[in-house]
All heavy atoms as atom14 arrays in JSON, in Angstrom:
{
  "sequence": "VESGGGLVQAGDSLRLSCAASGGTFSSYTMGWFRQ",
  "atom14_mask": [
    [1, 1, 1, 1, 1, 1, 1, 0, 0, 0, 0, 0, 0, 0],
    [1, 1, 1, 1, 1, 1, 1, 1, 1, 0, 0, 0, 0, 0],
    [1, 1, 1, 1, 1, 1, 0, 0, 0, 0, 0, 0, 0, 0],
    [1, 1, 1, 1, 0, 0, 0, 0, 0, 0, 0, 0, 0, 0],
    [1, 1, 1, 1, 0, 0, 0, 0, 0, 0, 0, 0, 0, 0],
    [1, 1, 1, 1, 0, 0, 0, 0, 0, 0, 0, 0, 0, 0],
    [1, 1, 1, 1, 1, 1, 1, 1, 0, 0, 0, 0, 0, 0],
    [1, 1, 1, 1, 1, 1, 1, 0, 0, 0, 0, 0, 0, 0],
    [1, 1, 1, 1, 1, 1, 1, 1, 1, 0, 0, 0, 0, 0],
    [1, 1, 1, 1, 1, 0, 0, 0, 0, 0, 0, 0, 0, 0],
    [1, 1, 1, 1, 0, 0, 0, 0, 0, 0, 0, 0, 0, 0],
    [1, 1, 1, 1, 1, 1, 1, 1, 0, 0, 0, 0, 0, 0],
    [1, 1, 1, 1, 1, 1, 0, 0, 0, 0, 0, 0, 0, 0],
    [1, 1, 1, 1, 1, 1, 1, 1, 0, 0, 0, 0, 0, 0],
    [1, 1, 1, 1, 1, 1, 1, 1, 1, 1, 1, 0, 0, 0],
    [1, 1, 1, 1, 1, 1, 1, 1, 0, 0, 0, 0, 0, 0],
    [1, 1, 1, 1, 1, 1, 0, 0, 0, 0, 0, 0, 0, 0],
    [1, 1, 1, 1, 1, 1, 0, 0, 0, 0, 0, 0, 0, 0],
    [1, 1, 1, 1, 1, 0, 0, 0, 0, 0, 0, 0, 0, 0],
    [1, 1, 1, 1, 1, 0, 0, 0, 0, 0, 0, 0, 0, 0],
    [1, 1, 1, 1, 1, 1, 0, 0, 0, 0, 0, 0, 0, 0],
    [1, 1, 1, 1, 0, 0, 0, 0, 0, 0, 0, 0, 0, 0],
    [1, 1, 1, 1, 0, 0, 0, 0, 0, 0, 0, 0, 0, 0],
    [1, 1, 1, 1, 1, 1, 1, 0, 0, 0, 0, 0, 0, 0],
    [1, 1, 1, 1, 1, 1, 1, 1, 1, 1, 1, 0, 0, 0],
    [1, 1, 1, 1, 1, 1, 0, 0, 0, 0, 0, 0, 0, 0],
    [1, 1, 1, 1, 1, 1, 0, 0, 0, 0, 0, 0, 0, 0],
    [1, 1, 1, 1, 1, 1, 1, 1, 1, 1, 1, 1, 0, 0],
    [1, 1, 1, 1, 1, 1, 1, 0, 0, 0, 0, 0, 0, 0],
    [1, 1, 1, 1, 1, 1, 1, 1, 0, 0, 0, 0, 0, 0],
    [1, 1, 1, 1, 0, 0, 0, 0, 0, 0, 0, 0, 0, 0],
    [1, 1, 1, 1, 1, 1, 1, 1, 1, 1, 1, 1, 1, 1],
    [1, 1, 1, 1, 1, 1, 1, 1, 1, 1, 1, 0, 0, 0],
    [1, 1, 1, 1, 1, 1, 1, 1, 1, 1, 1, 0, 0, 0],
    [1, 1, 1, 1, 1, 1, 1, 1, 1, 0, 0, 0, 0, 0]
  ],
  "atom14_positions": [
    [[-2.72, 7.63, 0.63], [-3.96, 7.03, 0.13], [-3.64, 5.67, -0.47], [-2.88, 5.58, -1.45], [-4.64, 7.91, -0.93], [-5.9, 7.23, -1.45], [-4.95, 9.28, -0.35], [0.0, 0.0, 0.0], [0.0, 0.0, 0.0], [0.0, 0.0, 0.0], [0.0, 0.0, 0.0], [0.0, 0.0, 0.0], [0.0, 0.0, 0.0], [0.0, 0.0, 0.0]],
    [[-4.23, 4.63, 0.12], [-4.01, 3.27, -0.37], [-5.05, 2.91, -1.42], [-6.17, 3.43, -1.43], [-4.1, 2.25, 0.76], [-3.16, 2.45, 1.92], [-3.79, 3.24, 3.05], [-4.75, 3.99, 2.78], [-3.34, 3.11, 4.2], [0.0, 0.0, 0.0], [0.0, 0.0, 0.0], [0.0, 0.0, 0.0], [0.0, 0.0, 0.0], [0.0, 0.0, 0.0]],
    [[-4.68, 1.96, -2.26], [-5.61, 1.41, -3.24], [-5.14, 0.01, -3.62], [-4.01, -0.38, -3.3], [-5.69, 2.3, -4.49], [-4.43, 2.38, -5.11], [0.0, 0.0, 0.0], [0.0, 0.0, 0.0], [0.0, 0.0, 0.0], [0.0, 0.0, 0.0], [0.0, 0.0, 0.0], [0.0, 0.0, 0.0], [0.0, 0.0, 0.0], [0.0, 0.0, 0.0]],
    [[-6.03, -0.73, -4.29], [-5.63, -2.03, -4.81], [-6.17, -3.23, -4.05], [-5.95, -4.36, -4.46], [0.0, 0.0, 0.0], [0.0, 0.0, 0.0], [0.0, 0.0, 0.0], [0.0, 0.0, 0.0], [0.0, 0.0, 0.0], [0.0, 0.0, 0.0], [0.0, 0.0, 0.0], [0.0, 0.0, 0.0], [0.0, 0.0, 0.0], [0.0, 0.0, 0.0]],
    [[-6.86, -2.99, -2.95], [-7.42, -4.1, -2.2], [-8.55, -4.78, -2.97], [-9.02, -4.29, -3.99], [0.0, 0.0, 0.0], [0.0, 0.0, 0.0], [0.0, 0.0, 0.0], [0.0, 0.0, 0.0], [0.0, 0.0, 0.0], [0.0, 0.0, 0.0], [0.0, 0.0, 0.0], [0.0, 0.0, 0.0], [0.0, 0.0, 0.0], [0.0, 0.0, 0.0]],
    [[-8.98, -5.93, -2.46], [-10.08, -6.63, -3.1], [-10.27, -8.02, -2.53], [-9.66, -8.39, -1.52], [0.0, 0.0, 0.0], [0.0, 0.0, 0.0], [0.0, 0.0, 0.0], [0.0, 0.0, 0.0], [0.0, 0.0, 0.0], [0.0, 0.0, 0.0], [0.0, 0.0, 0.0], [0.0, 0.0, 0.0], [0.0, 0.0, 0.0], [0.0, 0.0, 0.0]],
    [[-11.11, -8.77, -3.21], [-11.42, -10.15, -2.83], [-10.71, -11.1, -3.79], [-10.92, -11.0, -5.02], [-12.93, -10.37, -2.87], [-13.42, -11.81, -2.68], [-13.05, -12.32, -1.29], [-14.93, -11.88, -2.9], [0.0, 0.0, 0.0], [0.0, 0.0, 0.0], [0.0, 0.0, 0.0], [0.0, 0.0, 0.0], [0.0, 0.0, 0.0], [0.0, 0.0, 0.0]],
    [[-9.88, -11.97, -3.25], [-9.16, -12.93, -4.07], [-9.25, -14.31, -3.42], [-9.68, -14.44, -2.28], [-7.68, -12.54, -4.25], [-7.56, -11.22, -4.99], [-6.97, -12.48, -2.9], [0.0, 0.0, 0.0], [0.0, 0.0, 0.0], [0.0, 0.0, 0.0], [0.0, 0.0, 0.0], [0.0, 0.0, 0.0], [0.0, 0.0, 0.0], [0.0, 0.0, 0.0]],
    [[-8.82, -15.31, -4.17], [-8.8, -16.67, -3.65], [-7.4, -16.99, -3.11], [-6.4, -16.37, -3.5], [-9.18, -17.66, -4.74], [-10.62, -17.54, -5.2], [-11.01, -18.63, -6.17], [-10.16, -19.16, -6.88], [-12.28, -18.98, -6.19], [0.0, 0.0, 0.0], [0.0, 0.0, 0.0], [0.0, 0.0, 0.0], [0.0, 0.0, 0.0], [0.0, 0.0, 0.0]],
    [[-7.35, -17.96, -2.23], [-6.07, -18.4, -1.69], [-5.13, -18.8, -2.83], [-5.56, -19.47, -3.78], [-6.28, -19.56, -0.74], [0.0, 0.0, 0.0], [0.0, 0.0, 0.0], [0.0, 0.0, 0.0], [0.0, 0.0, 0.0], [0.0, 0.0, 0.0], [0.0, 0.0, 0.0], [0.0, 0.0, 0.0], [0.0, 0.0, 0.0], [0.0, 0.0, 0.0]],
    [[-3.9, -18.37, -2.73], [-2.91, -18.64, -3.76], [-2.78, -17.55, -4.79], [-1.79, -17.51, -5.55], [0.0, 0.0, 0.0], [0.0, 0.0, 0.0], [0.0, 0.0, 0.0], [0.0, 0.0, 0.0], [0.0, 0.0, 0.0], [0.0, 0.0, 0.0], [0.0, 0.0, 0.0], [0.0, 0.0, 0.0], [0.0, 0.0, 0.0], [0.0, 0.0, 0.0]],
    [[-3.73, -16.63, -4.83], [-3.7, -15.53, -5.79], [-2.71, -14.45, -5.34], [-2.16, -14.5, -4.23], [-5.09, -14.92, -5.94], [-6.01, -15.79, -6.77], [-5.52, -16.78, -7.38], [-7.22, -15.48, -6.81], [0.0, 0.0, 0.0], [0.0, 0.0, 0.0], [0.0, 0.0, 0.0], [0.0, 0.0, 0.0], [0.0, 0.0, 0.0], [0.0, 0.0, 0.0]],
    [[-2.54, -13.49, -6.23], [-1.68, -12.35, -5.95], [-2.48, -11.06, -5.99], [-3.54, -10.99, -6.63], [-0.54, -12.27, -6.97], [0.29, -13.41, -6.92], [0.0, 0.0, 0.0], [0.0, 0.0, 0.0], [0.0, 0.0, 0.0], [0.0, 0.0, 0.0], [0.0, 0.0, 0.0], [0.0, 0.0, 0.0], [0.0, 0.0, 0.0], [0.0, 0.0, 0.0]],
    [[-1.96, -10.05, -5.32], [-2.6, -8.74, -5.28], [-1.5, -7.71, -5.08], [-0.51, -7.98, -4.36], [-3.6, -8.68, -4.14], [-4.78, -7.72, -4.21], [-5.62, -7.96, -5.45], [-5.63, -7.86, -2.96], [0.0, 0.0, 0.0], [0.0, 0.0, 0.0], [0.0, 0.0, 0.0], [0.0, 0.0, 0.0], [0.0, 0.0, 0.0], [0.0, 0.0, 0.0]],
    [[-1.67, -6.55, -5.69], [-0.69, -5.48, -5.52], [-1.38, -4.26, -4.93], [-2.3, -3.71, -5.54], [-0.04, -5.12, -6.85], [1.12, -4.14, -6.73], [1.44, -3.54, -8.07], [2.75, -2.92, -8.12], [3.09, -1.97, -9.0], [2.21, -1.55, -9.89], [4.31, -1.46, -9.0], [0.0, 0.0, 0.0], [0.0, 0.0, 0.0], [0.0, 0.0, 0.0]],
    [[-0.92, -3.84, -3.79], [-1.43, -2.63, -3.16], [-0.54, -1.45, -3.52], [0.67, -1.61, -3.66], [-1.48, -2.78, -1.64], [-2.26, -3.98, -1.1], [-2.28, -3.93, 0.43], [-3.66, -4.02, -1.65], [0.0, 0.0, 0.0], [0.0, 0.0, 0.0], [0.0, 0.0, 0.0], [0.0, 0.0, 0.0], [0.0, 0.0, 0.0], [0.0, 0.0, 0.0]],
    [[-1.16, -0.29, -3.64], [-0.43, 0.94, -3.91], [-0.73, 1.95, -2.84], [-1.82, 1.95, -2.25], [-0.83, 1.51, -5.28], [-0.52, 0.61, -6.32], [0.0, 0.0, 0.0], [0.0, 0.0, 0.0], [0.0, 0.0, 0.0], [0.0, 0.0, 0.0], [0.0, 0.0, 0.0], [0.0, 0.0, 0.0], [0.0, 0.0, 0.0], [0.0, 0.0, 0.0]],
    [[0.23, 2.81, -2.59], [0.06, 3.89, -1.63], [0.62, 5.16, -2.26], [1.81, 5.23, -2.58], [0.79, 3.57, -0.34], [0.82, 4.92, 0.87], [0.0, 0.0, 0.0], [0.0, 0.0, 0.0], [0.0, 0.0, 0.0], [0.0, 0.0, 0.0], [0.0, 0.0, 0.0], [0.0, 0.0, 0.0], [0.0, 0.0, 0.0], [0.0, 0.0, 0.0]],
    [[-0.26, 6.14, -2.46], [0.14, 7.41, -3.05], [0.35, 8.43, -1.95], [-0.53, 8.62, -1.11], [-0.91, 7.89, -4.03], [0.0, 0.0, 0.0], [0.0, 0.0, 0.0], [0.0, 0.0, 0.0], [0.0, 0.0, 0.0], [0.0, 0.0, 0.0], [0.0, 0.0, 0.0], [0.0, 0.0, 0.0], [0.0, 0.0, 0.0], [0.0, 0.0, 0.0]],
    [[1.5, 9.08, -1.95], [1.82, 10.07, -0.94], [1.78, 11.47, -1.55], [2.08, 11.66, -2.73], [3.21, 9.81, -0.36], [0.0, 0.0, 0.0], [0.0, 0.0, 0.0], [0.0, 0.0, 0.0], [0.0, 0.0, 0.0], [0.0, 0.0, 0.0], [0.0, 0.0, 0.0], [0.0, 0.0, 0.0], [0.0, 0.0, 0.0], [0.0, 0.0, 0.0]],
    [[1.41, 12.43, -0.72], [1.45, 13.82, -1.14], [1.87, 14.67, 0.05], [1.67, 14.28, 1.21], [0.09, 14.28, -1.66], [-0.9, 14.15, -0.66], [0.0, 0.0, 0.0], [0.0, 0.0, 0.0], [0.0, 0.0, 0.0], [0.0, 0.0, 0.0], [0.0, 0.0, 0.0], [0.0, 0.0, 0.0], [0.0, 0.0, 0.0], [0.0, 0.0, 0.0]],
    [[2.49, 15.81, -0.25], [2.97, 16.67, 0.82], [4.24, 16.12, 1.44], [4.58, 14.95, 1.27], [0.0, 0.0, 0.0], [0.0, 0.0, 0.0], [0.0, 0.0, 0.0], [0.0, 0.0, 0.0], [0.0, 0.0, 0.0], [0.0, 0.0, 0.0], [0.0, 0.0, 0.0], [0.0, 0.0, 0.0], [0.0, 0.0, 0.0], [0.0, 0.0, 0.0]],
    [[4.95, 16.96, 2.15], [6.15, 16.51, 2.85], [7.27, 16.14, 1.9], [7.15, 16.26, 0.68], [0.0, 0.0, 0.0], [0.0, 0.0, 0.0], [0.0, 0.0, 0.0], [0.0, 0.0, 0.0], [0.0, 0.0, 0.0], [0.0, 0.0, 0.0], [0.0, 0.0, 0.0], [0.0, 0.0, 0.0], [0.0, 0.0, 0.0], [0.0, 0.0, 0.0]],
    [[8.37, 15.7, 2.48], [9.53, 15.27, 1.71], [9.53, 13.75, 1.72], [10.13, 13.1, 2.59], [10.82, 15.81, 2.34], [10.72, 17.23, 2.5], [12.03, 15.51, 1.44], [0.0, 0.0, 0.0], [0.0, 0.0, 0.0], [0.0, 0.0, 0.0], [0.0, 0.0, 0.0], [0.0, 0.0, 0.0], [0.0, 0.0, 0.0], [0.0, 0.0, 0.0]],
    [[8.85, 13.17, 0.76], [8.6, 11.73, 0.74], [9.88, 10.93, 0.87], [9.93, 9.91, 1.55], [7.88, 11.37, -0.55], [7.59, 9.91, -0.69], [6.62, 9.3, 0.08], [8.29, 9.13, -1.6], [6.34, 7.95, -0.04], [8.04, 7.78, -1.74], [7.05, 7.18, -0.96], [0.0, 0.0, 0.0], [0.0, 0.0, 0.0], [0.0, 0.0, 0.0]],
    [[10.93, 11.38, 0.21], [12.18, 10.62, 0.19], [12.9, 10.61, 1.52], [13.94, 9.94, 1.66], [13.12, 11.17, -0.89], [13.42, 12.52, -0.63], [0.0, 0.0, 0.0], [0.0, 0.0, 0.0], [0.0, 0.0, 0.0], [0.0, 0.0, 0.0], [0.0, 0.0, 0.0], [0.0, 0.0, 0.0], [0.0, 0.0, 0.0], [0.0, 0.0, 0.0]],
    [[12.39, 11.31, 2.53], [13.0, 11.29, 3.86], [12.27, 10.38, 4.83], [12.61, 10.34, 6.01], [13.04, 12.71, 4.44], [13.91, 13.54, 3.7], [0.0, 0.0, 0.0], [0.0, 0.0, 0.0], [0.0, 0.0, 0.0], [0.0, 0.0, 0.0], [0.0, 0.0, 0.0], [0.0, 0.0, 0.0], [0.0, 0.0, 0.0], [0.0, 0.0, 0.0]],
    [[11.29, 9.68, 4.33], [10.48, 8.83, 5.2], [10.76, 7.35, 4.97], [10.86, 6.89, 3.83], [8.99, 9.07, 4.95], [8.49, 10.38, 5.5], [8.63, 11.57, 4.77], [7.89, 10.45, 6.75], [8.18, 12.77, 5.29], [7.43, 11.65, 7.26], [7.58, 12.8, 6.52], [7.14, 13.99, 7.03], [0.0, 0.0, 0.0], [0.0, 0.0, 0.0]],
    [[10.89, 6.63, 6.05], [10.76, 5.17, 5.98], [9.28, 4.88, 5.83], [8.45, 5.47, 6.54], [11.33, 4.51, 7.24], [12.75, 4.46, 7.14], [10.81, 3.1, 7.43], [0.0, 0.0, 0.0], [0.0, 0.0, 0.0], [0.0, 0.0, 0.0], [0.0, 0.0, 0.0], [0.0, 0.0, 0.0], [0.0, 0.0, 0.0], [0.0, 0.0, 0.0]],
    [[8.96, 3.99, 4.91], [7.57, 3.65, 4.65], [7.28, 2.24, 5.13], [8.13, 1.34, 5.04], [7.27, 3.75, 3.16], [7.47, 5.14, 2.58], [6.43, 6.39, 3.39], [4.79, 5.78, 2.97], [0.0, 0.0, 0.0], [0.0, 0.0, 0.0], [0.0, 0.0, 0.0], [0.0, 0.0, 0.0], [0.0, 0.0, 0.0], [0.0, 0.0, 0.0]],
    [[6.08, 2.05, 5.62], [5.71, 0.73, 6.11], [4.3, 0.35, 5.72], [3.49, 1.2, 5.34], [0.0, 0.0, 0.0], [0.0, 0.0, 0.0], [0.0, 0.0, 0.0], [0.0, 0.0, 0.0], [0.0, 0.0, 0.0], [0.0, 0.0, 0.0], [0.0, 0.0, 0.0], [0.0, 0.0, 0.0], [0.0, 0.0, 0.0], [0.0, 0.0, 0.0]],
    [[4.04, -0.93, 5.8], [2.68, -1.46, 5.65], [2.33, -2.21, 6.93], [3.14, -2.99, 7.45], [2.59, -2.42, 4.47], [2.62, -1.76, 3.12], [3.71, -1.55, 2.33], [1.5, -1.23, 2.4], [3.35, -0.92, 1.18], [1.99, -0.71, 1.19], [0.13, -1.15, 2.66], [1.17, -0.12, 0.24], [-0.69, -0.55, 1.72], [-0.18, -0.05, 0.52]],
    [[1.13, -1.96, 7.4], [0.56, -2.66, 8.55], [-0.76, -3.26, 8.12], [-1.31, -2.89, 7.09], [0.34, -1.7, 9.72], [1.6, -1.25, 10.4], [2.44, -0.31, 9.8], [1.96, -1.73, 11.65], [3.6, 0.12, 10.42], [3.11, -1.31, 12.29], [3.94, -0.38, 11.66], [0.0, 0.0, 0.0], [0.0, 0.0, 0.0], [0.0, 0.0, 0.0]],
    [[-1.27, -4.16, 8.93], [-2.59, -4.71, 8.65], [-3.33, -4.96, 9.96], [-2.72, -5.15, 11.0], [-2.49, -5.99, 7.83], [-1.82, -7.15, 8.55], [-1.62, -8.31, 7.58], [-1.02, -9.47, 8.23], [-0.65, -10.57, 7.58], [-0.81, -10.68, 6.26], [-0.11, -11.58, 8.25], [0.0, 0.0, 0.0], [0.0, 0.0, 0.0], [0.0, 0.0, 0.0]],
    [[-4.65, -4.97, 9.85], [-5.48, -5.19, 11.02], [-6.69, -6.02, 10.65], [-7.49, -5.6, 9.81], [-5.92, -3.87, 11.65], [-6.62, -4.03, 12.98], [-6.77, -2.71, 13.71], [-6.65, -1.63, 13.13], [-7.0, -2.78, 15.0], [0.0, 0.0, 0.0], [0.0, 0.0, 0.0], [0.0, 0.0, 0.0], [0.0, 0.0, 0.0], [0.0, 0.0, 0.0]]
  ]
}
């Protein structure tokens, strides 16, 4: 589950978070994609 998106101006910063549940999280390579 992702969170943290929003509307910002050019040059600003933003921090996205991704909360995981289930599975063995520490055995996964994690990635971010965009579309």
